[in-house]
Amino acid sequence: MTLKDKRIAALGGTSGIGLAVAQAALEEGASVVVASRKQADVDSAQAKLALQSPSRIAAQVVDVTSEENLVSITLYNGMLYGALWEFQPLGTGTAILVATTATALILRLPAARFLECIIQTWRQTRATLLTVMSMVGLAYLMNYSGLNYTIGKGVASLGSLFVVLAPFLGWLAVALSGTDAAGNALFGNLQVIAARQLSLDPVLFAATNSSGGVLGKMISAQNIATGCSVTELCANEGAVFTRTVPHSIALTAMLGALVAAQQFLVPWIIPH
């Protein structure tokens, strides 16, 4: 069994046998995460191991008696996956609400008519809102439970074939959810994990997921229905879908070829 390009968690790896295991793993070509409860011990071990391979060593202060922390050590490039919520009152949704309210006031729209527009908008978008919320909720569940890591390892078993199939993950997510944001939340982290398992560029494959999602947007049921609703093609969504699918698949396959070229032929073009 070879340890080259594997990820090793050295629990208590700041001294003694644990430190020796970490040094041996580095010599075999593995990436090592050293974990301990004391910052001073972690810093000391990281300094020693960095002399062997500074790019393949990470250190983390963590209570290794916690099962949750043990799982998180090997996930997400050796960092804890933060469960943080930030209140952002000036987010995109707030800007839309302010613009809508200001427009209604400027045009002197009666309150009853304004409320009617809100109700009509809710009726038109409620299914899409439920879909997006469900997708984002599923994405958080997959990330925090470690499911993305497990799926990522499975996808990584495809080897080099993963490079050309990666765009189709983003394509599928957006085709189902209708939004690129939900697609990125669902499969973005999975793409990064799989890329790291295969020693590919994680930045490239995070971008690939988003780019593939854009190409899946053209066959999303929600987007087709929205587009057809304001044209003479209303009630002919099936015909639009049938004509669009071949173009969507062909363009996504071309994106796969472009990703392969960037990864293997011109890797210097990828920003870092």
Protein backbone atom coordinates (compact mmCIF):
# COMPACT_ATOMS: atom_id res chain seq x y z
CA MET A 1 0.00 0.00 0.00
CA THR A 2 1.33 3.41 -0.97
CA LEU A 3 0.65 6.59 0.99
CA LYS A 4 1.53 8.94 -1.87
CA ASP A 5 -1.09 11.69 -2.31
CA LYS A 6 -3.11 10.34 0.64
CA ARG A 7 -4.26 12.45 3.60
CA ILE A 8 -3.12 11.31 7.05
CA ALA A 9 -4.44 12.59 10.39
CA ALA A 10 -1.76 12.20 13.08
CA LEU A 11 -3.66 12.38 16.37
CA GLY A 12 -1.31 13.30 19.18
CA GLY A 13 1.29 13.70 16.46
CA THR A 14 3.25 16.40 18.24
CA SER A 15 5.69 14.07 19.98
CA GLY A 16 6.81 10.47 20.40
CA ILE A 17 5.26 7.78 18.21
CA GLY A 18 2.68 10.18 16.76
CA LEU A 19 5.37 12.55 15.52
CA ALA A 20 7.37 9.62 14.10
CA VAL A 21 4.27 8.43 12.21
CA ALA A 22 3.77 11.92 10.76
CA GLN A 23 7.41 12.06 9.63
CA ALA A 24 7.18 8.61 8.01
CA ALA A 25 3.94 9.56 6.22
CA LEU A 26 5.58 12.69 4.79
CA GLU A 27 8.50 10.61 3.55
CA GLU A 28 6.01 8.36 1.74
CA GLY A 29 4.48 11.36 -0.06
CA ALA A 30 1.33 11.81 2.02
CA SER A 31 -0.19 15.07 3.28
CA VAL A 32 -0.33 15.18 7.07
CA VAL A 33 -2.61 16.95 9.53
CA VAL A 34 -1.15 17.05 13.05
CA ALA A 35 -3.71 17.46 15.82
CA SER A 36 -3.27 18.17 19.51
CA ARG A 37 -5.00 20.10 22.27
CA LYS A 38 -2.08 22.45 23.04
CA GLN A 39 -1.13 25.31 20.71
CA ALA A 40 2.54 25.25 21.75
CA ASP A 41 2.85 21.54 20.94
CA VAL A 42 1.13 22.00 17.58
CA ASP A 43 3.40 24.91 16.60
CA SER A 44 6.52 22.98 17.60
CA ALA A 45 5.54 19.86 15.64
CA GLN A 46 4.54 21.90 12.59
CA ALA A 47 7.91 23.65 12.58
CA LYS A 48 9.77 20.32 12.71
CA LEU A 49 7.66 18.67 10.01
CA ALA A 50 7.78 21.73 7.75
CA LEU A 51 11.50 21.10 7.34
CA GLN A 52 10.57 17.92 5.44
CA SER A 53 7.70 19.27 3.33
CA PRO A 54 6.13 22.64 4.17
CA SER A 55 3.44 22.32 1.48
CA ARG A 56 2.11 18.98 2.75
CA ILE A 57 1.82 19.67 6.46
CA ALA A 58 -1.07 21.26 8.36
CA ALA A 59 -1.58 21.60 12.11
CA GLN A 60 -4.72 22.00 14.13
CA VAL A 61 -5.52 22.62 17.78
CA VAL A 62 -8.45 20.37 18.55
CA ASP A 63 -9.84 18.14 21.28
CA VAL A 64 -9.27 14.69 19.77
CA THR A 65 -11.57 13.06 22.31
CA SER A 66 -14.54 14.56 20.44
CA GLU A 67 -15.89 12.37 17.63
CA GLU A 68 -17.08 15.41 15.70
CA ASN A 69 -13.60 16.92 15.75
CA LEU A 70 -12.04 13.65 14.65
CA VAL A 71 -14.22 13.67 11.54
CA SER A 72 -13.52 17.32 10.77
CA ILE A 73 -9.73 16.89 10.90
CA THR A 74 -9.62 15.07 7.57
CA LEU A 75 -12.27 17.23 5.89
CA TYR A 76 -11.96 20.50 4.04
CA ASN A 77 -8.18 20.74 3.84
CA GLY A 78 -7.65 20.06 7.52
CA MET A 79 -9.81 22.91 8.76
CA LEU A 80 -12.95 22.82 10.87
CA TYR A 81 -16.07 23.47 8.81
CA GLY A 82 -17.45 26.58 10.46
CA ALA A 83 -21.14 26.65 11.39
CA LEU A 84 -21.48 30.42 11.31
CA TRP A 85 -24.46 32.60 10.51
CA GLU A 86 -23.88 36.24 9.61
CA PHE A 87 -26.64 38.82 9.66
CA GLN A 88 -26.38 40.80 6.41
CA PRO A 89 -29.14 43.43 6.33
CA LEU A 90 -27.73 44.98 3.15
CA GLY A 91 -27.82 41.74 1.16
CA THR A 92 -29.29 41.35 -2.34
CA GLY A 93 -32.79 40.57 -1.12
CA THR A 94 -32.91 43.75 0.96
CA ALA A 95 -31.84 45.84 -2.03
CA ILE A 96 -34.64 44.35 -4.13
CA LEU A 97 -37.19 45.03 -1.38
CA VAL A 98 -36.04 48.66 -1.01
CA ALA A 99 -36.09 49.21 -4.80
CA THR A 100 -39.58 47.71 -5.10
CA THR A 101 -40.95 49.83 -2.27
CA ALA A 102 -39.32 53.00 -3.61
CA THR A 103 -40.72 52.34 -7.09
CA ALA A 104 -44.23 51.87 -5.70
CA LEU A 105 -43.97 55.15 -3.77
CA ILE A 106 -42.60 57.09 -6.74
CA LEU A 107 -45.34 55.78 -9.06
CA ARG A 108 -47.94 56.37 -6.32
CA LEU A 109 -49.17 52.81 -6.57
CA PRO A 110 -52.20 52.23 -4.34
CA ALA A 111 -51.50 50.07 -1.30
CA ALA A 112 -54.12 47.51 -2.38
CA ARG A 113 -52.53 47.17 -5.81
CA PHE A 114 -49.05 46.90 -4.27
CA LEU A 115 -50.25 44.10 -1.98
CA GLU A 116 -51.88 42.36 -4.94
CA CYS A 117 -48.54 42.42 -6.81
CA ILE A 118 -46.77 40.93 -3.80
CA ILE A 119 -49.32 38.10 -3.55
CA GLN A 120 -49.10 37.39 -7.30
CA THR A 121 -45.30 37.31 -7.12
CA TRP A 122 -45.47 34.90 -4.18
CA ARG A 123 -47.78 32.58 -6.12
CA GLN A 124 -45.44 32.58 -9.12
CA THR A 125 -42.25 31.99 -7.16
CA ARG A 126 -43.29 29.84 -4.18
CA ALA A 127 -42.38 26.54 -5.87
CA THR A 128 -38.99 27.91 -6.92
CA LEU A 129 -38.37 29.31 -3.42
CA LEU A 130 -39.19 25.95 -1.85
CA THR A 131 -36.86 24.18 -4.31
CA VAL A 132 -33.97 26.54 -3.66
CA MET A 133 -34.40 26.40 0.14
CA SER A 134 -34.54 22.60 0.01
CA MET A 135 -31.40 22.42 -2.13
CA VAL A 136 -29.46 24.80 0.11
CA GLY A 137 -30.63 22.93 3.22
CA LEU A 138 -29.56 19.64 1.66
CA ALA A 139 -26.18 21.17 0.81
CA TYR A 140 -25.57 22.17 4.43
CA LEU A 141 -26.66 18.74 5.62
CA MET A 142 -24.27 17.05 3.18
CA ASN A 143 -21.38 19.28 4.26
CA TYR A 144 -21.85 19.03 8.02
CA SER A 145 -22.57 15.29 8.03
CA GLY A 146 -19.45 14.50 5.99
CA LEU A 147 -21.57 13.08 3.16
CA ASN A 148 -19.89 15.37 0.61
CA TYR A 149 -16.52 14.01 1.70
CA THR A 150 -17.71 10.42 1.23
CA ILE A 151 -19.24 11.14 -2.18
CA GLY A 152 -16.14 13.11 -3.14
CA LYS A 153 -13.94 10.11 -2.41
CA GLY A 154 -16.26 7.95 -4.49
CA VAL A 155 -16.20 10.37 -7.41
CA ALA A 156 -12.41 10.55 -7.11
CA SER A 157 -12.31 6.81 -7.90
CA LEU A 158 -13.10 7.79 -11.49
CA GLY A 159 -9.52 8.96 -11.76
CA SER A 160 -8.70 11.10 -14.80
CA LEU A 161 -12.24 10.64 -16.11
CA PHE A 162 -13.42 12.93 -13.30
CA VAL A 163 -11.86 15.89 -15.12
CA VAL A 164 -14.27 15.70 -18.06
CA LEU A 165 -17.28 14.64 -15.98
CA ALA A 166 -16.93 17.37 -13.34
CA PRO A 167 -18.87 19.98 -15.39
CA PHE A 168 -21.84 17.62 -15.53
CA LEU A 169 -22.14 17.63 -11.72
CA GLY A 170 -22.74 21.39 -11.74
CA TRP A 171 -24.90 20.99 -14.85
CA LEU A 172 -27.14 18.43 -13.12
CA ALA A 173 -27.45 20.43 -9.89
CA VAL A 174 -28.64 23.59 -11.65
CA ALA A 175 -30.86 21.67 -14.07
CA LEU A 176 -32.70 20.31 -11.03
CA SER A 177 -32.67 23.39 -8.78
CA GLY A 178 -32.88 26.19 -11.35
CA THR A 179 -30.23 28.38 -9.70
CA ASP A 180 -26.46 28.46 -9.91
CA ALA A 181 -26.27 29.43 -6.23
CA ALA A 182 -28.07 26.24 -5.18
CA GLY A 183 -25.91 24.19 -7.53
CA ASN A 184 -22.73 25.60 -6.03
CA ALA A 185 -24.01 24.99 -2.52
CA LEU A 186 -24.93 21.41 -3.38
CA PHE A 187 -21.88 20.19 -5.31
CA GLY A 188 -19.26 22.95 -5.07
CA ASN A 189 -17.57 21.57 -1.97
CA LEU A 190 -17.82 18.03 -3.32
CA GLN A 191 -15.89 19.08 -6.43
CA VAL A 192 -13.12 20.59 -4.30
CA ILE A 193 -12.84 17.47 -2.14
CA ALA A 194 -12.67 15.16 -5.16
CA ALA A 195 -10.06 17.41 -6.81
CA ARG A 196 -7.85 17.27 -3.72
CA GLN A 197 -8.20 13.49 -3.56
CA LEU A 198 -6.87 13.31 -7.13
CA SER A 199 -4.20 16.01 -6.63
CA LEU A 200 -5.99 18.28 -9.11
CA ASP A 201 -6.44 22.02 -8.77
CA PRO A 202 -9.37 22.74 -6.38
CA VAL A 203 -9.77 26.31 -7.66
CA LEU A 204 -10.30 25.05 -11.21
CA PHE A 205 -12.94 22.52 -10.19
CA ALA A 206 -14.82 24.94 -7.96
CA ALA A 207 -15.09 27.19 -11.02
CA THR A 208 -15.97 24.20 -13.20
CA ASN A 209 -18.99 23.44 -11.02
CA SER A 210 -20.27 26.98 -11.46
CA SER A 211 -19.58 27.02 -15.20
CA GLY A 212 -21.30 23.69 -15.70
CA GLY A 213 -24.25 25.05 -13.75
CA VAL A 214 -24.63 27.94 -16.17
CA LEU A 215 -24.94 25.46 -19.03
CA GLY A 216 -27.53 23.46 -17.09
CA LYS A 217 -29.61 26.57 -16.48
CA MET A 218 -30.91 26.54 -20.06
CA ILE A 219 -32.74 23.23 -19.46
CA SER A 220 -34.00 24.02 -15.97
CA ALA A 221 -37.79 23.67 -15.83
CA GLN A 222 -38.18 26.84 -13.80
CA ASN A 223 -36.15 28.94 -16.21
CA ILE A 224 -37.83 27.54 -19.30
CA ALA A 225 -41.26 28.17 -17.80
CA THR A 226 -40.30 31.73 -16.85
CA GLY A 227 -38.93 32.49 -20.31
CA CYS A 228 -41.88 30.99 -22.16
CA SER A 229 -44.43 32.77 -19.99
CA VAL A 230 -43.65 36.14 -21.60
CA THR A 231 -43.52 34.89 -25.20
CA GLU A 232 -45.82 33.21 -27.69
CA LEU A 233 -44.23 29.89 -26.67
CA CYS A 234 -46.27 29.79 -23.46
CA ALA A 235 -47.56 26.23 -22.87
CA ASN A 236 -44.90 24.91 -25.31
CA GLU A 237 -42.17 24.42 -22.70
CA GLY A 238 -41.69 20.78 -23.75
CA ALA A 239 -40.71 21.78 -27.29
CA VAL A 240 -38.22 24.34 -25.98
CA PHE A 241 -36.70 21.76 -23.62
CA THR A 242 -36.36 19.19 -26.43
CA ARG A 243 -34.59 21.66 -28.71
CA THR A 244 -32.31 22.96 -25.96
CA VAL A 245 -31.07 19.72 -24.38
CA PRO A 246 -28.66 18.71 -27.21
CA HIS A 247 -27.03 22.14 -27.18
CA SER A 248 -26.70 22.06 -23.39
CA ILE A 249 -25.06 18.63 -23.37
CA ALA A 250 -22.71 19.50 -26.24
CA LEU A 251 -21.57 22.73 -24.60
CA THR A 252 -21.01 20.99 -21.26
CA ALA A 253 -18.90 18.32 -22.99
CA MET A 254 -16.85 21.10 -24.61
CA LEU A 255 -16.40 22.65 -21.18
CA GLY A 256 -15.06 19.30 -19.95
CA ALA A 257 -12.46 19.35 -22.72
CA LEU A 258 -11.51 22.92 -21.82
CA VAL A 259 -11.11 21.97 -18.15
CA ALA A 260 -8.87 19.04 -19.11
CA ALA A 261 -6.72 21.35 -21.21
CA GLN A 262 -6.39 23.86 -18.37
CA GLN A 263 -5.49 21.16 -15.86
CA PHE A 264 -2.96 19.21 -17.93
CA LEU A 265 -1.73 21.50 -20.72
CA VAL A 266 -1.78 25.06 -19.37
CA PRO A 267 -2.06 24.79 -15.55
CA TRP A 268 -0.32 28.15 -15.15
CA ILE A 269 -3.46 29.87 -16.43
CA ILE A 270 -5.39 28.92 -13.27
CA PRO A 271 -5.45 31.85 -10.78
CA HIS A 272 -4.34 31.33 -7.17
